[in-house]
Amino acid sequence: MTLWDGVLPFYPQPRHAAGLSIPLLIVILVFLVLAASFLLILPGIRGHSRWFWLVRVLLSLFIGAEIVAAHFSAEWSVGSVSTKTSYKAFSVERVRAHVGLHVGLEGVNITLTGTPVQQLNETIDYNEQFIWRVGQNYAGAYAEALEKGLPYPVLYLAEKFTPSSPCGVYRQYRLAGHYASATLCVPLCQLRLGSSELTTHYGAAFWITLATGVLCLLLGAAVLSLHYARPSALRLFLEGSVKDLESPTKGSSPLILSNPLHKQFRASDLTISTNL
């Protein structure tokens, strides 16, 4: 089918699951394997240092996993709306559908699901990703979407994030993705689909990152306070693990080593005592 006879082309391209990212799944799997490996060797650590290393390693793994995973997540800013809207550009045909928007640091994901799915003799179930990471051309991807003839709601939302859009959010989100230096709290411009308005709010990635930042701030403040208020307690906590590993096992007997070949020395002078 072509655009010349008034009918938009078919949509044979594979769809992408909303919020599903293969790099994100890989990151989660790698950190889970590391955590499981540490838990397997944890019983081999003696004394109170076992709990010290448990908290230290798991906390480090969690913070590291959260920082990396949040970069690939599409749940920084999310929104959805059920509305009756135009299905094709320059067409009077309208459909009832559920529209979802997922904004991440690497791009946006837009879903369009008909309610019901079968309308106008078509299956209305679209899921599109538009990426702006380094090496990707968001404007080019949007131009390809126009050529494919994607539904109007998908094109409408994708157009709001193009570099030439009056909304001006492209640079903001792109900077946040590249340098993690721009905040995502600036509201989007008005997004209207039919008679309804789509509003966004902070997603799971934002709140998890915020909670991790607050946790790191509290831990840093606690360490700094102990350093100035009770340095001996901080030293005991940090060095306790090393001492536990180096301390002898209770009930061990000393090993006496002597050298009988040197008669000129007394046995007491050549006796070495060590603890096993």
C-alpha atoms as a PDB file:
ATOM      1  CA  MET A   1       0.000   0.000   0.000  1.00  0.00           C
ATOM      2  CA  THR A   2       1.180   3.528  -0.680  1.00  0.00           C
ATOM      3  CA  LEU A   3       0.266   6.992   0.396  1.00  0.00           C
ATOM      4  CA  TRP A   4      -0.878   7.877  -3.122  1.00  0.00           C
ATOM      5  CA  ASP A   5      -4.243   6.116  -2.930  1.00  0.00           C
ATOM      6  CA  GLY A   6      -5.144   7.664   0.408  1.00  0.00           C
ATOM      7  CA  VAL A   7      -4.319   4.578   2.472  1.00  0.00           C
ATOM      8  CA  LEU A   8      -1.382   4.537   4.863  1.00  0.00           C
ATOM      9  CA  PRO A   9       1.103   1.673   4.575  1.00  0.00           C
ATOM     10  CA  PHE A  10       1.080  -1.446   6.703  1.00  0.00           C
ATOM     11  CA  TYR A  11       3.132  -1.666   9.883  1.00  0.00           C
ATOM     12  CA  PRO A  12       5.376  -4.752   9.635  1.00  0.00           C
ATOM     13  CA  GLN A  13       8.147  -3.564  11.967  1.00  0.00           C
ATOM     14  CA  PRO A  14       8.642  -5.358  15.312  1.00  0.00           C
ATOM     15  CA  ARG A  15       7.265  -3.644  18.398  1.00  0.00           C
ATOM     16  CA  HIS A  16       9.191  -2.877  21.558  1.00  0.00           C
ATOM     17  CA  ALA A  17       7.880  -3.635  25.021  1.00  0.00           C
ATOM     18  CA  ALA A  18       7.252  -0.519  27.092  1.00  0.00           C
ATOM     19  CA  GLY A  19       9.942  -0.053  29.696  1.00  0.00           C
ATOM     20  CA  LEU A  20      11.688  -3.295  28.658  1.00  0.00           C
ATOM     21  CA  SER A  21      15.392  -2.772  28.019  1.00  0.00           C
ATOM     22  CA  ILE A  22      17.836  -5.578  27.322  1.00  0.00           C
ATOM     23  CA  PRO A  23      20.794  -3.608  28.798  1.00  0.00           C
ATOM     24  CA  LEU A  24      18.693  -2.985  31.917  1.00  0.00           C
ATOM     25  CA  LEU A  25      17.968  -6.696  32.315  1.00  0.00           C
ATOM     26  CA  ILE A  26      21.666  -7.505  31.836  1.00  0.00           C
ATOM     27  CA  VAL A  27      22.687  -4.997  34.509  1.00  0.00           C
ATOM     28  CA  ILE A  28      20.182  -6.407  37.008  1.00  0.00           C
ATOM     29  CA  LEU A  29      21.262  -9.976  36.269  1.00  0.00           C
ATOM     30  CA  VAL A  30      24.981  -9.195  36.666  1.00  0.00           C
ATOM     31  CA  PHE A  31      24.520  -7.510  40.045  1.00  0.00           C
ATOM     32  CA  LEU A  32      22.225 -10.296  41.267  1.00  0.00           C
ATOM     33  CA  VAL A  33      24.890 -12.856  40.365  1.00  0.00           C
ATOM     34  CA  LEU A  34      27.515 -10.858  42.259  1.00  0.00           C
ATOM     35  CA  ALA A  35      25.254 -10.597  45.308  1.00  0.00           C
ATOM     36  CA  ALA A  36      24.461 -14.316  45.226  1.00  0.00           C
ATOM     37  CA  SER A  37      28.170 -15.168  44.940  1.00  0.00           C
ATOM     38  CA  PHE A  38      28.975 -13.076  47.998  1.00  0.00           C
ATOM     39  CA  LEU A  39      26.173 -14.682  50.021  1.00  0.00           C
ATOM     40  CA  LEU A  40      27.636 -18.091  49.201  1.00  0.00           C
ATOM     41  CA  ILE A  41      31.022 -17.198  50.688  1.00  0.00           C
ATOM     42  CA  LEU A  42      29.583 -15.242  53.617  1.00  0.00           C
ATOM     43  CA  PRO A  43      29.503 -18.264  56.024  1.00  0.00           C
ATOM     44  CA  GLY A  44      33.288 -18.548  55.611  1.00  0.00           C
ATOM     45  CA  ILE A  45      33.860 -15.155  57.256  1.00  0.00           C
ATOM     46  CA  ARG A  46      34.444 -15.526  60.998  1.00  0.00           C
ATOM     47  CA  GLY A  47      33.233 -13.430  63.895  1.00  0.00           C
ATOM     48  CA  HIS A  48      31.351 -10.169  63.905  1.00  0.00           C
ATOM     49  CA  SER A  49      33.062  -9.073  60.705  1.00  0.00           C
ATOM     50  CA  ARG A  50      30.596 -11.267  58.828  1.00  0.00           C
ATOM     51  CA  TRP A  51      27.791  -8.731  59.368  1.00  0.00           C
ATOM     52  CA  PHE A  52      30.114  -5.828  58.642  1.00  0.00           C
ATOM     53  CA  TRP A  53      30.978  -7.268  55.227  1.00  0.00           C
ATOM     54  CA  LEU A  54      27.355  -8.229  54.578  1.00  0.00           C
ATOM     55  CA  VAL A  55      26.142  -4.650  54.990  1.00  0.00           C
ATOM     56  CA  ARG A  56      29.132  -3.135  53.228  1.00  0.00           C
ATOM     57  CA  VAL A  57      29.111  -5.344  50.115  1.00  0.00           C
ATOM     58  CA  LEU A  58      25.335  -5.524  49.612  1.00  0.00           C
ATOM     59  CA  LEU A  59      24.979  -1.775  50.080  1.00  0.00           C
ATOM     60  CA  SER A  60      27.759  -1.125  47.579  1.00  0.00           C
ATOM     61  CA  LEU A  61      26.197  -3.512  45.060  1.00  0.00           C
ATOM     62  CA  PHE A  62      22.768  -1.916  45.481  1.00  0.00           C
ATOM     63  CA  ILE A  63      24.054   1.626  44.950  1.00  0.00           C
ATOM     64  CA  GLY A  64      26.108   0.591  41.937  1.00  0.00           C
ATOM     65  CA  ALA A  65      23.252  -1.373  40.379  1.00  0.00           C
ATOM     66  CA  GLU A  66      20.796   1.468  40.921  1.00  0.00           C
ATOM     67  CA  ILE A  67      23.074   4.042  39.274  1.00  0.00           C
ATOM     68  CA  VAL A  68      23.661   1.891  36.198  1.00  0.00           C
ATOM     69  CA  ALA A  69      20.095   0.587  35.927  1.00  0.00           C
ATOM     70  CA  ALA A  70      18.529   4.031  36.237  1.00  0.00           C
ATOM     71  CA  HIS A  71      20.451   5.108  33.149  1.00  0.00           C
ATOM     72  CA  PHE A  72      18.719   2.470  31.016  1.00  0.00           C
ATOM     73  CA  SER A  73      15.283   2.751  32.624  1.00  0.00           C
ATOM     74  CA  ALA A  74      12.372   4.410  30.811  1.00  0.00           C
ATOM     75  CA  GLU A  75      10.530   5.130  34.058  1.00  0.00           C
ATOM     76  CA  TRP A  76      11.837   8.604  34.869  1.00  0.00           C
ATOM     77  CA  SER A  77       8.673  10.374  33.798  1.00  0.00           C
ATOM     78  CA  VAL A  78       5.526   8.439  32.911  1.00  0.00           C
ATOM     79  CA  GLY A  79       1.962   9.228  32.000  1.00  0.00           C
ATOM     80  CA  SER A  80      -1.087   7.611  30.447  1.00  0.00           C
ATOM     81  CA  VAL A  81      -4.611   8.533  29.405  1.00  0.00           C
ATOM     82  CA  SER A  82      -7.657   6.826  27.930  1.00  0.00           C
ATOM     83  CA  THR A  83      -9.283   8.998  25.284  1.00  0.00           C
ATOM     84  CA  LYS A  84     -11.156   9.163  21.996  1.00  0.00           C
ATOM     85  CA  THR A  85      -8.802  10.574  19.411  1.00  0.00           C
ATOM     86  CA  SER A  86      -8.006  10.690  15.727  1.00  0.00           C
ATOM     87  CA  TYR A  87      -6.381   7.525  14.463  1.00  0.00           C
ATOM     88  CA  LYS A  88      -4.802   8.761  11.221  1.00  0.00           C
ATOM     89  CA  ALA A  89      -3.534  12.174  10.275  1.00  0.00           C
ATOM     90  CA  PHE A  90      -5.932  14.236   8.160  1.00  0.00           C
ATOM     91  CA  SER A  91      -8.730  11.756   8.828  1.00  0.00           C
ATOM     92  CA  VAL A  92     -12.075  12.170  10.583  1.00  0.00           C
ATOM     93  CA  GLU A  93     -12.019   8.594  11.877  1.00  0.00           C
ATOM     94  CA  ARG A  94     -11.689   8.427  15.644  1.00  0.00           C
ATOM     95  CA  VAL A  95     -10.903   5.540  17.962  1.00  0.00           C
ATOM     96  CA  ARG A  96     -10.995   4.880  21.681  1.00  0.00           C
ATOM     97  CA  ALA A  97      -7.534   4.003  22.922  1.00  0.00           C
ATOM     98  CA  HIS A  98      -5.179   3.979  25.886  1.00  0.00           C
ATOM     99  CA  VAL A  99      -2.057   6.077  25.276  1.00  0.00           C
ATOM    100  CA  GLY A 100       1.071   5.678  27.403  1.00  0.00           C
ATOM    101  CA  LEU A 101       4.239   7.784  27.540  1.00  0.00           C
ATOM    102  CA  HIS A 102       7.474   6.601  29.187  1.00  0.00           C
ATOM    103  CA  VAL A 103      10.397   9.034  29.258  1.00  0.00           C
ATOM    104  CA  GLY A 104      13.916   7.920  30.149  1.00  0.00           C
ATOM    105  CA  LEU A 105      17.440   9.256  29.906  1.00  0.00           C
ATOM    106  CA  GLU A 106      17.970   7.602  26.532  1.00  0.00           C
ATOM    107  CA  GLY A 107      14.672   8.332  24.792  1.00  0.00           C
ATOM    108  CA  VAL A 108      10.904   7.959  24.939  1.00  0.00           C
ATOM    109  CA  ASN A 109       8.581   4.999  24.581  1.00  0.00           C
ATOM    110  CA  ILE A 110       5.024   5.557  23.323  1.00  0.00           C
ATOM    111  CA  THR A 111       2.250   2.967  23.451  1.00  0.00           C
ATOM    112  CA  LEU A 112      -1.136   3.015  21.784  1.00  0.00           C
ATOM    113  CA  THR A 113      -3.653   0.279  22.569  1.00  0.00           C
ATOM    114  CA  GLY A 114      -7.196   0.346  21.284  1.00  0.00           C
ATOM    115  CA  THR A 115     -10.119  -0.288  23.643  1.00  0.00           C
ATOM    116  CA  PRO A 116     -11.117  -2.661  22.176  1.00  0.00           C
ATOM    117  CA  VAL A 117      -7.995  -3.612  20.236  1.00  0.00           C
ATOM    118  CA  GLN A 118      -9.934  -4.364  17.031  1.00  0.00           C
ATOM    119  CA  GLN A 119     -11.318  -1.139  15.569  1.00  0.00           C
ATOM    120  CA  LEU A 120     -11.744   0.178  12.018  1.00  0.00           C
ATOM    121  CA  ASN A 121     -10.886  -3.317  10.744  1.00  0.00           C
ATOM    122  CA  GLU A 122      -7.383  -2.978  12.227  1.00  0.00           C
ATOM    123  CA  THR A 123      -5.474  -4.156  15.272  1.00  0.00           C
ATOM    124  CA  ILE A 124      -4.597  -1.057  17.257  1.00  0.00           C
ATOM    125  CA  ASP A 125      -1.626  -2.125  19.342  1.00  0.00           C
ATOM    126  CA  TYR A 126       1.511  -0.041  18.827  1.00  0.00           C
ATOM    127  CA  ASN A 127       4.635   0.378  20.871  1.00  0.00           C
ATOM    128  CA  GLU A 128       7.352   2.720  19.609  1.00  0.00           C
ATOM    129  CA  GLN A 129      10.769   3.755  20.888  1.00  0.00           C
ATOM    130  CA  PHE A 130      12.504   6.982  19.898  1.00  0.00           C
ATOM    131  CA  ILE A 131      16.130   7.141  21.050  1.00  0.00           C
ATOM    132  CA  TRP A 132      18.365  10.202  21.456  1.00  0.00           C
ATOM    133  CA  ARG A 133      21.516   8.638  22.920  1.00  0.00           C
ATOM    134  CA  VAL A 134      24.923   9.377  21.382  1.00  0.00           C
ATOM    135  CA  GLY A 135      25.043   8.095  17.818  1.00  0.00           C
ATOM    136  CA  GLN A 136      21.245   8.127  17.417  1.00  0.00           C
ATOM    137  CA  ASN A 137      19.298  10.672  15.397  1.00  0.00           C
ATOM    138  CA  TYR A 138      15.966  11.391  17.060  1.00  0.00           C
ATOM    139  CA  ALA A 139      14.796  13.698  14.268  1.00  0.00           C
ATOM    140  CA  GLY A 140      15.654  11.008  11.714  1.00  0.00           C
ATOM    141  CA  ALA A 141      13.707   8.398  13.677  1.00  0.00           C
ATOM    142  CA  TYR A 142      10.719  10.724  13.780  1.00  0.00           C
ATOM    143  CA  ALA A 143      10.962  11.271  10.017  1.00  0.00           C
ATOM    144  CA  GLU A 144      10.962   7.494   9.499  1.00  0.00           C
ATOM    145  CA  ALA A 145       7.871   7.225  11.688  1.00  0.00           C
ATOM    146  CA  LEU A 146       6.145   9.743   9.428  1.00  0.00           C
ATOM    147  CA  GLU A 147       7.092   7.692   6.370  1.00  0.00           C
ATOM    148  CA  LYS A 148       5.773   4.505   7.949  1.00  0.00           C
ATOM    149  CA  GLY A 149       2.479   6.227   8.643  1.00  0.00           C
ATOM    150  CA  LEU A 150       2.233   5.544  12.354  1.00  0.00           C
ATOM    151  CA  PRO A 151      -1.011   6.515  14.102  1.00  0.00           C
ATOM    152  CA  TYR A 152      -1.578  10.161  14.867  1.00  0.00           C
ATOM    153  CA  PRO A 153      -1.288   9.900  18.717  1.00  0.00           C
ATOM    154  CA  VAL A 154       2.160   8.282  18.418  1.00  0.00           C
ATOM    155  CA  LEU A 155       3.376  10.913  15.970  1.00  0.00           C
ATOM    156  CA  TYR A 156       1.865  13.714  18.053  1.00  0.00           C
ATOM    157  CA  LEU A 157       3.698  12.722  21.243  1.00  0.00           C
ATOM    158  CA  ALA A 158       6.957  11.919  19.435  1.00  0.00           C
ATOM    159  CA  GLU A 159       6.902  15.321  17.748  1.00  0.00           C
ATOM    160  CA  LYS A 160       6.844  17.062  21.148  1.00  0.00           C
ATOM    161  CA  PHE A 161      10.331  15.690  21.880  1.00  0.00           C
ATOM    162  CA  THR A 162      11.969  16.617  18.565  1.00  0.00           C
ATOM    163  CA  PRO A 163      14.781  19.218  18.639  1.00  0.00           C
ATOM    164  CA  SER A 164      12.638  21.698  16.698  1.00  0.00           C
ATOM    165  CA  SER A 165       9.587  21.389  18.978  1.00  0.00           C
ATOM    166  CA  PRO A 166       8.478  24.590  20.774  1.00  0.00           C
ATOM    167  CA  CYS A 167       8.235  22.524  23.976  1.00  0.00           C
ATOM    168  CA  GLY A 168      12.018  22.628  24.305  1.00  0.00           C
ATOM    169  CA  VAL A 169      12.287  19.407  26.318  1.00  0.00           C
ATOM    170  CA  TYR A 170      14.618  17.598  23.916  1.00  0.00           C
ATOM    171  CA  ARG A 171      17.756  19.380  25.074  1.00  0.00           C
ATOM    172  CA  GLN A 172      16.762  19.076  28.732  1.00  0.00           C
ATOM    173  CA  TYR A 173      16.271  15.314  28.680  1.00  0.00           C
ATOM    174  CA  ARG A 174      19.238  14.743  26.378  1.00  0.00           C
ATOM    175  CA  LEU A 175      21.551  16.628  28.736  1.00  0.00           C
ATOM    176  CA  ALA A 176      20.182  14.666  31.666  1.00  0.00           C
ATOM    177  CA  GLY A 177      20.950  11.452  29.827  1.00  0.00           C
ATOM    178  CA  HIS A 178      24.457  12.472  28.791  1.00  0.00           C
ATOM    179  CA  TYR A 179      25.752  14.205  31.895  1.00  0.00           C
ATOM    180  CA  ALA A 180      23.135  13.539  34.608  1.00  0.00           C
ATOM    181  CA  SER A 181      23.347  17.254  35.303  1.00  0.00           C
ATOM    182  CA  ALA A 182      19.910  18.499  34.279  1.00  0.00           C
ATOM    183  CA  THR A 183      16.840  17.949  36.419  1.00  0.00           C
ATOM    184  CA  LEU A 184      13.647  16.465  35.017  1.00  0.00           C
ATOM    185  CA  CYS A 185      11.272  18.548  37.111  1.00  0.00           C
ATOM    186  CA  VAL A 186      10.381  21.056  34.377  1.00  0.00           C
ATOM    187  CA  PRO A 187       6.798  20.284  33.324  1.00  0.00           C
ATOM    188  CA  LEU A 188       6.114  19.249  29.753  1.00  0.00           C
ATOM    189  CA  CYS A 189       4.024  21.437  27.499  1.00  0.00           C
ATOM    190  CA  GLN A 190       0.339  20.627  27.264  1.00  0.00           C
ATOM    191  CA  LEU A 191      -0.346  17.248  25.643  1.00  0.00           C
ATOM    192  CA  ARG A 192      -3.898  16.917  24.377  1.00  0.00           C
ATOM    193  CA  LEU A 193      -5.262  13.819  22.673  1.00  0.00           C
ATOM    194  CA  GLY A 194      -8.832  14.304  21.561  1.00  0.00           C
ATOM    195  CA  SER A 195     -10.848  15.627  24.474  1.00  0.00           C
ATOM    196  CA  SER A 196      -8.377  14.395  27.125  1.00  0.00           C
ATOM    197  CA  GLU A 197      -5.071  15.687  28.390  1.00  0.00           C
ATOM    198  CA  LEU A 198      -2.056  13.482  29.097  1.00  0.00           C
ATOM    199  CA  THR A 199      -0.151  14.473  32.204  1.00  0.00           C
ATOM    200  CA  THR A 200       3.142  12.973  33.361  1.00  0.00           C
ATOM    201  CA  HIS A 201       4.527  12.302  36.807  1.00  0.00           C
ATOM    202  CA  TYR A 202       7.754  10.962  38.259  1.00  0.00           C
ATOM    203  CA  GLY A 203       8.277   7.259  37.635  1.00  0.00           C
ATOM    204  CA  ALA A 204       9.889   4.473  39.644  1.00  0.00           C
ATOM    205  CA  ALA A 205      13.414   5.231  38.387  1.00  0.00           C
ATOM    206  CA  PHE A 206      13.222   8.796  39.713  1.00  0.00           C
ATOM    207  CA  TRP A 207      12.021   7.811  43.187  1.00  0.00           C
ATOM    208  CA  ILE A 208      14.522   4.944  43.536  1.00  0.00           C
ATOM    209  CA  THR A 209      17.358   7.242  42.503  1.00  0.00           C
ATOM    210  CA  LEU A 210      16.172   9.902  44.953  1.00  0.00           C
ATOM    211  CA  ALA A 211      15.948   7.354  47.781  1.00  0.00           C
ATOM    212  CA  THR A 212      19.440   6.062  46.980  1.00  0.00           C
ATOM    213  CA  GLY A 213      20.817   9.596  47.011  1.00  0.00           C
ATOM    214  CA  VAL A 214      19.210  10.309  50.388  1.00  0.00           C
ATOM    215  CA  LEU A 215      20.593   7.018  51.746  1.00  0.00           C
ATOM    216  CA  CYS A 216      24.112   7.889  50.598  1.00  0.00           C
ATOM    217  CA  LEU A 217      23.762  11.354  52.122  1.00  0.00           C
ATOM    218  CA  LEU A 218      22.682   9.918  55.480  1.00  0.00           C
ATOM    219  CA  LEU A 219      25.494   7.360  55.494  1.00  0.00           C
ATOM    220  CA  GLY A 220      28.048  10.030  54.665  1.00  0.00           C
ATOM    221  CA  ALA A 221      26.703  12.289  57.397  1.00  0.00           C
ATOM    222  CA  ALA A 222      26.839   9.426  59.915  1.00  0.00           C
ATOM    223  CA  VAL A 223      30.463   8.609  59.064  1.00  0.00           C
ATOM    224  CA  LEU A 224      31.441  12.288  59.205  1.00  0.00           C
ATOM    225  CA  SER A 225      29.713  12.738  62.565  1.00  0.00           C
ATOM    226  CA  LEU A 226      31.463   9.716  64.051  1.00  0.00           C
ATOM    227  CA  HIS A 227      34.781  10.943  62.687  1.00  0.00           C
ATOM    228  CA  TYR A 228      34.535  14.168  64.694  1.00  0.00           C
ATOM    229  CA  ALA A 229      32.399  13.084  67.661  1.00  0.00           C
ATOM    230  CA  ARG A 230      33.612   9.542  68.382  1.00  0.00           C
ATOM    231  CA  PRO A 231      36.617   8.659  66.225  1.00  0.00           C
ATOM    232  CA  SER A 232      37.399   5.656  68.424  1.00  0.00           C
ATOM    233  CA  ALA A 233      33.969   4.138  67.712  1.00  0.00           C
ATOM    234  CA  LEU A 234      34.414   4.691  63.972  1.00  0.00           C
ATOM    235  CA  ARG A 235      37.885   3.162  64.089  1.00  0.00           C
ATOM    236  CA  LEU A 236      36.553   0.182  66.000  1.00  0.00           C
ATOM    237  CA  PHE A 237      33.774  -0.324  63.449  1.00  0.00           C
ATOM    238  CA  LEU A 238      36.025  -0.020  60.391  1.00  0.00           C
ATOM    239  CA  GLU A 239      38.964  -1.945  61.794  1.00  0.00           C
ATOM    240  CA  GLY A 240      36.925  -4.523  63.638  1.00  0.00           C
ATOM    241  CA  SER A 241      36.590  -6.677  60.573  1.00  0.00           C
ATOM    242  CA  VAL A 242      40.355  -6.839  60.084  1.00  0.00           C
ATOM    243  CA  LYS A 243      40.962  -7.656  63.730  1.00  0.00           C
ATOM    244  CA  ASP A 244      38.328 -10.381  63.649  1.00  0.00           C
ATOM    245  CA  LEU A 245      40.025 -11.969  60.680  1.00  0.00           C
ATOM    246  CA  GLU A 246      43.458 -11.750  62.315  1.00  0.00           C
ATOM    247  CA  SER A 247      42.441 -12.717  65.871  1.00  0.00           C
ATOM    248  CA  PRO A 248      43.250 -16.265  66.998  1.00  0.00           C
ATOM    249  CA  THR A 249      40.564 -18.821  67.526  1.00  0.00           C
ATOM    250  CA  LYS A 250      39.516 -19.213  71.125  1.00  0.00           C
ATOM    251  CA  GLY A 251      40.997 -22.225  72.857  1.00  0.00           C
ATOM    252  CA  SER A 252      44.028 -22.563  70.561  1.00  0.00           C
ATOM    253  CA  SER A 253      47.316 -23.657  72.155  1.00  0.00           C
ATOM    254  CA  PRO A 254      50.737 -22.116  71.437  1.00  0.00           C
ATOM    255  CA  LEU A 255      53.162 -23.981  69.144  1.00  0.00           C
ATOM    256  CA  ILE A 256      56.665 -24.294  70.592  1.00  0.00           C
ATOM    257  CA  LEU A 257      59.563 -24.443  68.131  1.00  0.00           C
ATOM    258  CA  SER A 258      63.146 -25.065  69.316  1.00  0.00           C
ATOM    259  CA  ASN A 259      66.477 -25.700  67.638  1.00  0.00           C
ATOM    260  CA  PRO A 260      68.413 -28.510  69.447  1.00  0.00           C
ATOM    261  CA  LEU A 261      71.484 -28.236  67.157  1.00  0.00           C
ATOM    262  CA  HIS A 262      72.828 -25.123  68.823  1.00  0.00           C
ATOM    263  CA  LYS A 263      74.059 -26.312  72.219  1.00  0.00           C
ATOM    264  CA  GLN A 264      75.651 -23.006  73.126  1.00  0.00           C
ATOM    265  CA  PHE A 265      72.278 -21.367  73.494  1.00  0.00           C
ATOM    266  CA  ARG A 266      69.784 -22.236  76.099  1.00  0.00           C
ATOM    267  CA  ALA A 267      66.518 -23.721  74.981  1.00  0.00           C
ATOM    268  CA  SER A 268      64.593 -20.736  76.295  1.00  0.00           C
ATOM    269  CA  ASP A 269      66.568 -18.423  74.006  1.00  0.00           C
ATOM    270  CA  LEU A 270      65.694 -20.442  70.904  1.00  0.00           C
ATOM    271  CA  THR A 271      62.077 -20.993  71.685  1.00  0.00           C
ATOM    272  CA  ILE A 272      59.541 -19.426  69.335  1.00  0.00           C
ATOM    273  CA  SER A 273      55.943 -19.276  70.415  1.00  0.00           C
ATOM    274  CA  THR A 274      53.132 -18.658  67.982  1.00  0.00           C
ATOM    275  CA  ASN A 275      49.404 -19.090  68.056  1.00  0.00           C
ATOM    276  CA  LEU A 276      47.524 -21.151  65.495  1.00  0.00           C
END
